[in-house]
């Protein structure tokens, strides 16, 4: 089961995603990122985009993944309300493939909140919790 939460961080908002798998934690933190910007519960899966990333470590993988989603938001005006991720361990690190589904931003429908300017490594952490779930978190630049 994936879920996310926002946590207070000085003048910014932290995003923390949880999942029973690493993939679910990545999915949850992506949805948490878009929930900083809009009400993701109102986003319908009208259009889907594929995202791929390949990095040496999980933090760089999360950064690249979220950066790709933010670029799609900035360039195409899309907001996402559903994300499916697969992560494969490779000899050089990790490879991620994702499918993000959503629709063009509609100011009346999606209730815009904050503008995310950039993905950062600030407070980025990915770990397995004592209860076996995975957690991924970071603080975006608002």
N, C-alpha and C. Protein backbone atom coordinates (compact mmCIF):
# COMPACT_ATOMS: atom_id res chain seq x y z
N UNK A 1 0.84 -1.18 0.00
CA UNK A 1 0.00 0.00 0.00
C UNK A 1 0.89 1.24 0.00
N UNK A 2 0.69 2.11 -0.98
CA UNK A 2 1.48 3.32 -1.03
C UNK A 2 0.69 4.47 -0.42
N UNK A 3 1.40 5.36 0.25
CA UNK A 3 0.80 6.58 0.77
C UNK A 3 1.90 7.61 0.92
N UNK A 4 1.49 8.85 1.10
CA UNK A 4 2.47 9.91 1.28
C UNK A 4 1.97 10.87 2.33
N UNK A 5 2.90 11.70 2.79
CA UNK A 5 2.55 12.76 3.72
C UNK A 5 3.48 13.93 3.46
N UNK A 6 3.03 15.10 3.85
CA UNK A 6 3.88 16.29 3.79
C UNK A 6 4.31 16.56 5.23
N UNK A 7 5.53 17.05 5.39
CA UNK A 7 6.00 17.39 6.73
C UNK A 7 6.58 18.79 6.70
N UNK A 8 6.50 19.46 7.85
CA UNK A 8 6.97 20.84 7.93
C UNK A 8 8.48 20.89 7.84
N UNK A 9 8.95 21.90 7.13
CA UNK A 9 10.38 22.11 6.99
C UNK A 9 10.62 23.60 6.81
N UNK A 10 11.04 24.28 7.85
CA UNK A 10 11.31 25.71 7.84
C UNK A 10 10.31 26.44 6.93
N UNK A 11 10.77 26.95 5.77
CA UNK A 11 9.88 27.68 4.87
C UNK A 11 9.38 26.80 3.73
N UNK A 12 9.77 25.55 3.72
CA UNK A 12 9.40 24.65 2.63
C UNK A 12 8.48 23.54 3.13
N UNK A 13 8.21 22.61 2.25
CA UNK A 13 7.38 21.44 2.57
C UNK A 13 8.18 20.19 2.21
N UNK A 14 8.29 19.28 3.15
CA UNK A 14 8.93 18.00 2.86
C UNK A 14 7.90 17.03 2.31
N UNK A 15 8.35 16.12 1.46
CA UNK A 15 7.48 15.10 0.89
C UNK A 15 8.06 13.74 1.26
N UNK A 16 7.22 12.91 1.88
CA UNK A 16 7.66 11.59 2.33
C UNK A 16 6.68 10.56 1.80
N UNK A 17 7.20 9.57 1.08
CA UNK A 17 6.37 8.52 0.52
C UNK A 17 6.67 7.18 1.17
N UNK A 18 5.64 6.37 1.33
CA UNK A 18 5.77 5.05 1.94
C UNK A 18 5.20 4.00 1.01
N UNK A 19 5.76 2.80 1.08
CA UNK A 19 5.22 1.69 0.29
C UNK A 19 5.71 0.37 0.83
N UNK A 20 4.98 -0.68 0.51
CA UNK A 20 5.42 -2.00 0.94
C UNK A 20 6.59 -2.48 0.09
N UNK A 21 6.82 -1.80 -1.05
CA UNK A 21 7.99 -2.07 -1.88
C UNK A 21 8.71 -0.75 -2.17
N UNK A 22 9.94 -0.85 -2.63
CA UNK A 22 10.68 0.34 -3.03
C UNK A 22 9.93 1.09 -4.13
N UNK A 23 9.38 0.34 -5.08
CA UNK A 23 8.63 0.95 -6.18
C UNK A 23 7.43 1.74 -5.67
N UNK A 24 6.71 1.18 -4.72
CA UNK A 24 5.55 1.88 -4.16
C UNK A 24 5.97 3.15 -3.43
N UNK A 25 7.11 3.13 -2.76
CA UNK A 25 7.59 4.34 -2.09
C UNK A 25 7.92 5.42 -3.12
N UNK A 26 8.53 5.05 -4.24
CA UNK A 26 8.81 6.01 -5.31
C UNK A 26 7.50 6.55 -5.89
N UNK A 27 6.52 5.67 -6.10
CA UNK A 27 5.22 6.11 -6.61
C UNK A 27 4.57 7.10 -5.64
N UNK A 28 4.63 6.78 -4.36
CA UNK A 28 4.00 7.63 -3.35
C UNK A 28 4.67 8.99 -3.25
N UNK A 29 6.00 9.03 -3.30
CA UNK A 29 6.68 10.33 -3.20
C UNK A 29 6.40 11.16 -4.45
N UNK A 30 6.24 10.53 -5.61
CA UNK A 30 5.88 11.26 -6.83
C UNK A 30 4.49 11.87 -6.70
N UNK A 31 3.54 11.09 -6.18
CA UNK A 31 2.19 11.62 -5.97
C UNK A 31 2.20 12.71 -4.91
N UNK A 32 3.03 12.53 -3.88
CA UNK A 32 3.16 13.56 -2.85
C UNK A 32 3.72 14.85 -3.42
N UNK A 33 4.66 14.73 -4.37
CA UNK A 33 5.21 15.91 -5.04
C UNK A 33 4.10 16.67 -5.77
N UNK A 34 3.29 15.95 -6.54
CA UNK A 34 2.22 16.64 -7.27
C UNK A 34 1.12 17.14 -6.35
N UNK A 35 0.95 16.49 -5.19
CA UNK A 35 -0.04 16.97 -4.23
C UNK A 35 0.42 18.26 -3.55
N UNK A 36 1.70 18.58 -3.60
CA UNK A 36 2.18 19.89 -3.15
C UNK A 36 1.64 20.96 -4.10
N UNK A 37 1.53 20.61 -5.38
CA UNK A 37 1.14 21.57 -6.42
C UNK A 37 -0.37 21.66 -6.64
N UNK A 38 -1.06 20.52 -6.59
CA UNK A 38 -2.51 20.47 -6.86
C UNK A 38 -3.15 19.40 -5.98
N UNK A 39 -4.46 19.33 -6.02
CA UNK A 39 -5.19 18.26 -5.34
C UNK A 39 -5.17 17.04 -6.26
N UNK A 40 -4.25 16.08 -5.99
CA UNK A 40 -4.12 14.93 -6.90
C UNK A 40 -5.37 14.05 -6.94
N UNK A 41 -6.19 14.16 -5.92
CA UNK A 41 -7.44 13.40 -5.92
C UNK A 41 -8.39 13.82 -7.02
N UNK A 42 -8.18 15.00 -7.59
CA UNK A 42 -9.03 15.51 -8.66
C UNK A 42 -8.42 15.31 -10.05
N UNK A 43 -7.23 14.71 -10.11
CA UNK A 43 -6.55 14.51 -11.39
C UNK A 43 -7.01 13.20 -12.01
N UNK A 44 -7.49 13.28 -13.24
CA UNK A 44 -7.95 12.09 -13.95
C UNK A 44 -6.85 11.58 -14.89
N UNK A 45 -6.77 10.26 -15.08
CA UNK A 45 -5.72 9.67 -15.92
C UNK A 45 -6.06 9.73 -17.41
N UNK A 46 -6.11 10.93 -17.97
CA UNK A 46 -6.49 11.12 -19.37
C UNK A 46 -5.32 10.91 -20.34
N UNK A 47 -4.11 11.21 -19.88
CA UNK A 47 -2.91 11.07 -20.72
C UNK A 47 -1.82 10.40 -19.90
N UNK A 48 -1.05 9.54 -20.54
CA UNK A 48 0.06 8.87 -19.84
C UNK A 48 1.37 9.16 -20.55
N UNK A 49 2.43 9.22 -19.75
CA UNK A 49 3.77 9.44 -20.28
C UNK A 49 4.70 8.40 -19.66
N UNK A 50 5.65 7.94 -20.46
CA UNK A 50 6.68 7.03 -19.96
C UNK A 50 7.88 7.82 -19.49
N UNK A 51 8.47 7.36 -18.41
CA UNK A 51 9.66 8.00 -17.84
C UNK A 51 10.69 6.91 -17.57
N UNK A 52 11.94 7.18 -17.92
CA UNK A 52 13.02 6.24 -17.63
C UNK A 52 14.18 6.98 -17.00
N UNK A 53 14.88 6.29 -16.12
CA UNK A 53 16.07 6.86 -15.49
C UNK A 53 17.02 5.72 -15.16
N UNK A 54 18.30 6.01 -15.22
CA UNK A 54 19.32 5.02 -14.87
C UNK A 54 20.41 5.75 -14.10
N UNK A 55 20.67 5.31 -12.88
CA UNK A 55 21.64 5.98 -12.01
C UNK A 55 22.41 4.96 -11.18
N UNK A 56 23.49 5.43 -10.55
CA UNK A 56 24.35 4.56 -9.75
C UNK A 56 23.77 4.23 -8.38
N UNK A 57 22.96 5.16 -7.82
CA UNK A 57 22.40 4.91 -6.49
C UNK A 57 20.93 5.32 -6.45
N UNK A 58 20.26 4.92 -5.38
CA UNK A 58 18.82 5.16 -5.28
C UNK A 58 18.46 6.63 -5.16
N UNK A 59 19.29 7.42 -4.45
CA UNK A 59 19.01 8.84 -4.31
C UNK A 59 19.06 9.54 -5.67
N UNK A 60 20.09 9.24 -6.45
CA UNK A 60 20.20 9.83 -7.79
C UNK A 60 19.04 9.35 -8.68
N UNK A 61 18.62 8.10 -8.50
CA UNK A 61 17.50 7.56 -9.27
C UNK A 61 16.21 8.31 -8.93
N UNK A 62 15.97 8.52 -7.64
CA UNK A 62 14.77 9.26 -7.22
C UNK A 62 14.82 10.68 -7.77
N UNK A 63 15.97 11.34 -7.66
CA UNK A 63 16.12 12.70 -8.17
C UNK A 63 15.80 12.76 -9.66
N UNK A 64 16.40 11.87 -10.45
CA UNK A 64 16.19 11.87 -11.90
C UNK A 64 14.74 11.59 -12.27
N UNK A 65 14.13 10.65 -11.57
CA UNK A 65 12.73 10.30 -11.79
C UNK A 65 11.82 11.50 -11.54
N UNK A 66 11.98 12.13 -10.38
CA UNK A 66 11.13 13.27 -10.04
C UNK A 66 11.41 14.45 -10.97
N UNK A 67 12.66 14.64 -11.34
CA UNK A 67 13.03 15.72 -12.27
C UNK A 67 12.33 15.53 -13.62
N UNK A 68 12.29 14.29 -14.11
CA UNK A 68 11.60 14.01 -15.38
C UNK A 68 10.12 14.34 -15.28
N UNK A 69 9.49 13.99 -14.15
CA UNK A 69 8.08 14.31 -13.97
C UNK A 69 7.86 15.82 -13.92
N UNK A 70 8.75 16.53 -13.24
CA UNK A 70 8.63 17.99 -13.14
C UNK A 70 8.83 18.64 -14.51
N UNK A 71 9.74 18.11 -15.32
CA UNK A 71 9.94 18.63 -16.68
C UNK A 71 8.67 18.44 -17.51
N UNK A 72 8.02 17.28 -17.39
CA UNK A 72 6.76 17.06 -18.10
C UNK A 72 5.70 18.06 -17.65
N UNK A 73 5.69 18.36 -16.36
CA UNK A 73 4.76 19.36 -15.83
C UNK A 73 5.06 20.74 -16.42
N UNK A 74 6.34 21.11 -16.39
CA UNK A 74 6.73 22.44 -16.86
C UNK A 74 6.57 22.60 -18.37
N UNK A 75 6.93 21.59 -19.14
CA UNK A 75 6.93 21.70 -20.60
C UNK A 75 5.55 21.43 -21.22
N UNK A 76 4.81 20.49 -20.65
CA UNK A 76 3.53 20.11 -21.25
C UNK A 76 2.32 20.54 -20.42
N UNK A 77 2.56 21.10 -19.24
CA UNK A 77 1.46 21.55 -18.40
C UNK A 77 0.66 20.42 -17.77
N UNK A 78 1.28 19.25 -17.65
CA UNK A 78 0.58 18.09 -17.10
C UNK A 78 0.73 17.99 -15.59
N UNK A 79 -0.31 17.50 -14.96
CA UNK A 79 -0.25 17.11 -13.54
C UNK A 79 -0.62 15.63 -13.49
N UNK A 80 0.00 14.91 -12.58
CA UNK A 80 -0.18 13.46 -12.53
C UNK A 80 -0.88 13.03 -11.25
N UNK A 81 -1.82 12.09 -11.40
CA UNK A 81 -2.55 11.56 -10.27
C UNK A 81 -2.38 10.06 -10.09
N UNK A 82 -1.63 9.44 -11.01
CA UNK A 82 -1.34 8.02 -10.87
C UNK A 82 0.03 7.75 -11.49
N UNK A 83 0.83 6.97 -10.79
CA UNK A 83 2.18 6.65 -11.24
C UNK A 83 2.46 5.18 -10.92
N UNK A 84 3.00 4.46 -11.89
CA UNK A 84 3.43 3.07 -11.69
C UNK A 84 4.91 3.00 -12.00
N UNK A 85 5.68 2.39 -11.10
CA UNK A 85 7.14 2.36 -11.21
C UNK A 85 7.64 0.92 -11.16
N UNK A 86 8.66 0.63 -11.96
CA UNK A 86 9.42 -0.61 -11.80
C UNK A 86 10.89 -0.22 -11.70
N UNK A 87 11.61 -0.87 -10.79
CA UNK A 87 13.03 -0.60 -10.57
C UNK A 87 13.78 -1.91 -10.69
N UNK A 88 14.85 -1.87 -11.45
CA UNK A 88 15.68 -3.05 -11.67
C UNK A 88 17.10 -2.75 -11.21
N UNK A 89 17.69 -3.66 -10.45
CA UNK A 89 19.10 -3.54 -10.06
C UNK A 89 19.93 -3.98 -11.24
N UNK A 90 20.91 -3.15 -11.62
CA UNK A 90 21.81 -3.48 -12.72
C UNK A 90 23.23 -3.60 -12.18
N UNK A 91 24.16 -4.01 -13.03
CA UNK A 91 25.55 -4.13 -12.56
C UNK A 91 26.15 -2.77 -12.23
N UNK A 92 25.61 -1.70 -12.83
CA UNK A 92 26.14 -0.36 -12.59
C UNK A 92 25.28 0.47 -11.65
N UNK A 93 24.19 -0.07 -11.15
CA UNK A 93 23.32 0.71 -10.27
C UNK A 93 21.87 0.27 -10.37
N UNK A 94 21.02 1.21 -10.82
CA UNK A 94 19.58 0.95 -10.88
C UNK A 94 18.99 1.54 -12.14
N UNK A 95 17.94 0.88 -12.64
CA UNK A 95 17.22 1.37 -13.80
C UNK A 95 15.75 1.45 -13.43
N UNK A 96 15.13 2.59 -13.71
CA UNK A 96 13.73 2.82 -13.40
C UNK A 96 12.95 3.02 -14.69
N UNK A 97 11.78 2.41 -14.73
CA UNK A 97 10.81 2.67 -15.79
C UNK A 97 9.50 3.00 -15.09
N UNK A 98 8.84 4.06 -15.56
CA UNK A 98 7.60 4.48 -14.93
C UNK A 98 6.58 4.90 -15.98
N UNK A 99 5.33 4.80 -15.59
CA UNK A 99 4.22 5.29 -16.39
C UNK A 99 3.44 6.25 -15.49
N UNK A 100 3.39 7.51 -15.90
CA UNK A 100 2.68 8.54 -15.14
C UNK A 100 1.46 8.97 -15.93
N UNK A 101 0.31 8.96 -15.27
CA UNK A 101 -0.94 9.31 -15.94
C UNK A 101 -1.60 10.50 -15.24
N UNK A 102 -2.12 11.39 -16.05
CA UNK A 102 -2.77 12.58 -15.52
C UNK A 102 -3.46 13.34 -16.63
N UNK A 103 -3.45 14.67 -16.49
CA UNK A 103 -4.12 15.52 -17.47
C UNK A 103 -3.53 16.92 -17.40
N UNK A 104 -3.84 17.75 -18.41
CA UNK A 104 -3.36 19.13 -18.36
C UNK A 104 -3.92 19.86 -17.14
N UNK A 105 -3.10 20.72 -16.56
CA UNK A 105 -3.52 21.50 -15.40
C UNK A 105 -4.74 22.34 -15.73
N UNK A 106 -5.75 22.25 -14.88
CA UNK A 106 -6.97 23.04 -15.00
C UNK A 106 -7.10 23.81 -13.69
N UNK A 107 -6.94 25.13 -13.75
CA UNK A 107 -6.91 25.95 -12.53
C UNK A 107 -8.18 25.81 -11.70
N UNK A 108 -9.33 25.69 -12.34
CA UNK A 108 -10.59 25.58 -11.60
C UNK A 108 -10.77 24.19 -10.99
N UNK A 109 -10.36 23.18 -11.71
CA UNK A 109 -10.58 21.80 -11.26
C UNK A 109 -9.56 21.33 -10.22
N UNK A 110 -8.28 21.65 -10.43
CA UNK A 110 -7.21 21.04 -9.64
C UNK A 110 -6.79 21.82 -8.40
N UNK A 111 -7.36 22.97 -8.16
CA UNK A 111 -7.04 23.77 -6.96
C UNK A 111 -5.53 23.93 -6.76
N UNK A 112 -4.86 24.71 -7.63
CA UNK A 112 -3.41 24.89 -7.50
C UNK A 112 -3.01 25.37 -6.11
N UNK A 113 -1.88 24.86 -5.63
CA UNK A 113 -1.37 25.21 -4.30
C UNK A 113 -0.03 25.90 -4.47
N UNK A 114 1.06 25.17 -4.29
CA UNK A 114 2.41 25.71 -4.39
C UNK A 114 3.01 25.44 -5.76
N UNK A 115 3.96 26.27 -6.16
CA UNK A 115 4.72 26.01 -7.38
C UNK A 115 6.04 25.36 -6.97
N UNK A 116 6.33 24.20 -7.52
CA UNK A 116 7.62 23.54 -7.27
C UNK A 116 8.59 24.00 -8.36
N UNK A 117 9.66 24.66 -7.93
CA UNK A 117 10.64 25.18 -8.88
C UNK A 117 11.64 24.12 -9.30
N UNK A 118 12.02 23.25 -8.34
CA UNK A 118 13.06 22.27 -8.65
C UNK A 118 13.03 21.11 -7.66
N UNK A 119 13.56 19.99 -8.10
CA UNK A 119 13.81 18.84 -7.24
C UNK A 119 15.17 19.08 -6.59
N UNK A 120 15.34 18.69 -5.34
CA UNK A 120 16.62 18.87 -4.65
C UNK A 120 17.00 17.57 -3.94
N UNK A 121 18.25 17.52 -3.51
CA UNK A 121 18.72 16.42 -2.67
C UNK A 121 18.54 16.75 -1.19
N UNK A 122 17.95 17.91 -0.89
CA UNK A 122 17.82 18.34 0.50
C UNK A 122 16.95 17.34 1.28
N UNK A 123 17.51 16.83 2.35
CA UNK A 123 16.86 15.84 3.23
C UNK A 123 16.41 14.59 2.47
N UNK A 124 17.00 14.33 1.30
CA UNK A 124 16.63 13.14 0.55
C UNK A 124 17.11 11.90 1.30
N UNK A 125 16.20 10.98 1.45
CA UNK A 125 16.52 9.74 2.17
C UNK A 125 15.63 8.63 1.62
N UNK A 126 16.21 7.47 1.43
CA UNK A 126 15.48 6.29 0.99
C UNK A 126 15.93 5.15 1.88
N UNK A 127 14.99 4.53 2.57
CA UNK A 127 15.40 3.45 3.47
C UNK A 127 14.24 2.49 3.73
N UNK A 128 14.64 1.31 4.17
CA UNK A 128 13.67 0.31 4.60
C UNK A 128 13.44 0.54 6.09
N UNK A 129 12.18 0.61 6.49
CA UNK A 129 11.81 0.86 7.88
C UNK A 129 11.80 -0.45 8.68
N UNK A 130 11.86 -0.35 10.01
CA UNK A 130 11.85 -1.56 10.84
C UNK A 130 10.65 -2.48 10.59
N UNK A 131 9.51 -1.91 10.17
CA UNK A 131 8.32 -2.74 9.92
C UNK A 131 8.33 -3.37 8.52
N UNK A 132 9.42 -3.16 7.76
CA UNK A 132 9.55 -3.77 6.44
C UNK A 132 9.13 -2.88 5.28
N UNK A 133 8.39 -1.80 5.59
CA UNK A 133 7.99 -0.88 4.52
C UNK A 133 9.18 -0.06 4.06
N UNK A 134 9.04 0.56 2.89
CA UNK A 134 10.05 1.47 2.36
C UNK A 134 9.57 2.90 2.53
N UNK A 135 10.53 3.81 2.73
CA UNK A 135 10.25 5.23 2.85
C UNK A 135 11.21 5.99 1.95
N UNK A 136 10.69 6.97 1.23
CA UNK A 136 11.51 7.87 0.41
C UNK A 136 11.05 9.29 0.70
N UNK A 137 12.00 10.20 0.89
CA UNK A 137 11.62 11.58 1.19
C UNK A 137 12.61 12.57 0.59
N UNK A 138 12.15 13.82 0.44
CA UNK A 138 13.00 14.92 -0.01
C UNK A 138 12.24 16.22 0.22
N UNK A 139 12.95 17.34 0.08
CA UNK A 139 12.34 18.66 0.20
C UNK A 139 12.51 19.38 -1.14
N UNK A 140 11.41 19.64 -1.86
CA UNK A 140 11.53 20.36 -3.13
C UNK A 140 11.78 21.84 -2.91
N UNK A 141 12.31 22.49 -3.93
CA UNK A 141 12.50 23.94 -3.91
C UNK A 141 11.20 24.59 -4.38
N UNK A 142 10.59 25.37 -3.49
CA UNK A 142 9.32 26.03 -3.83
C UNK A 142 9.56 27.47 -4.23
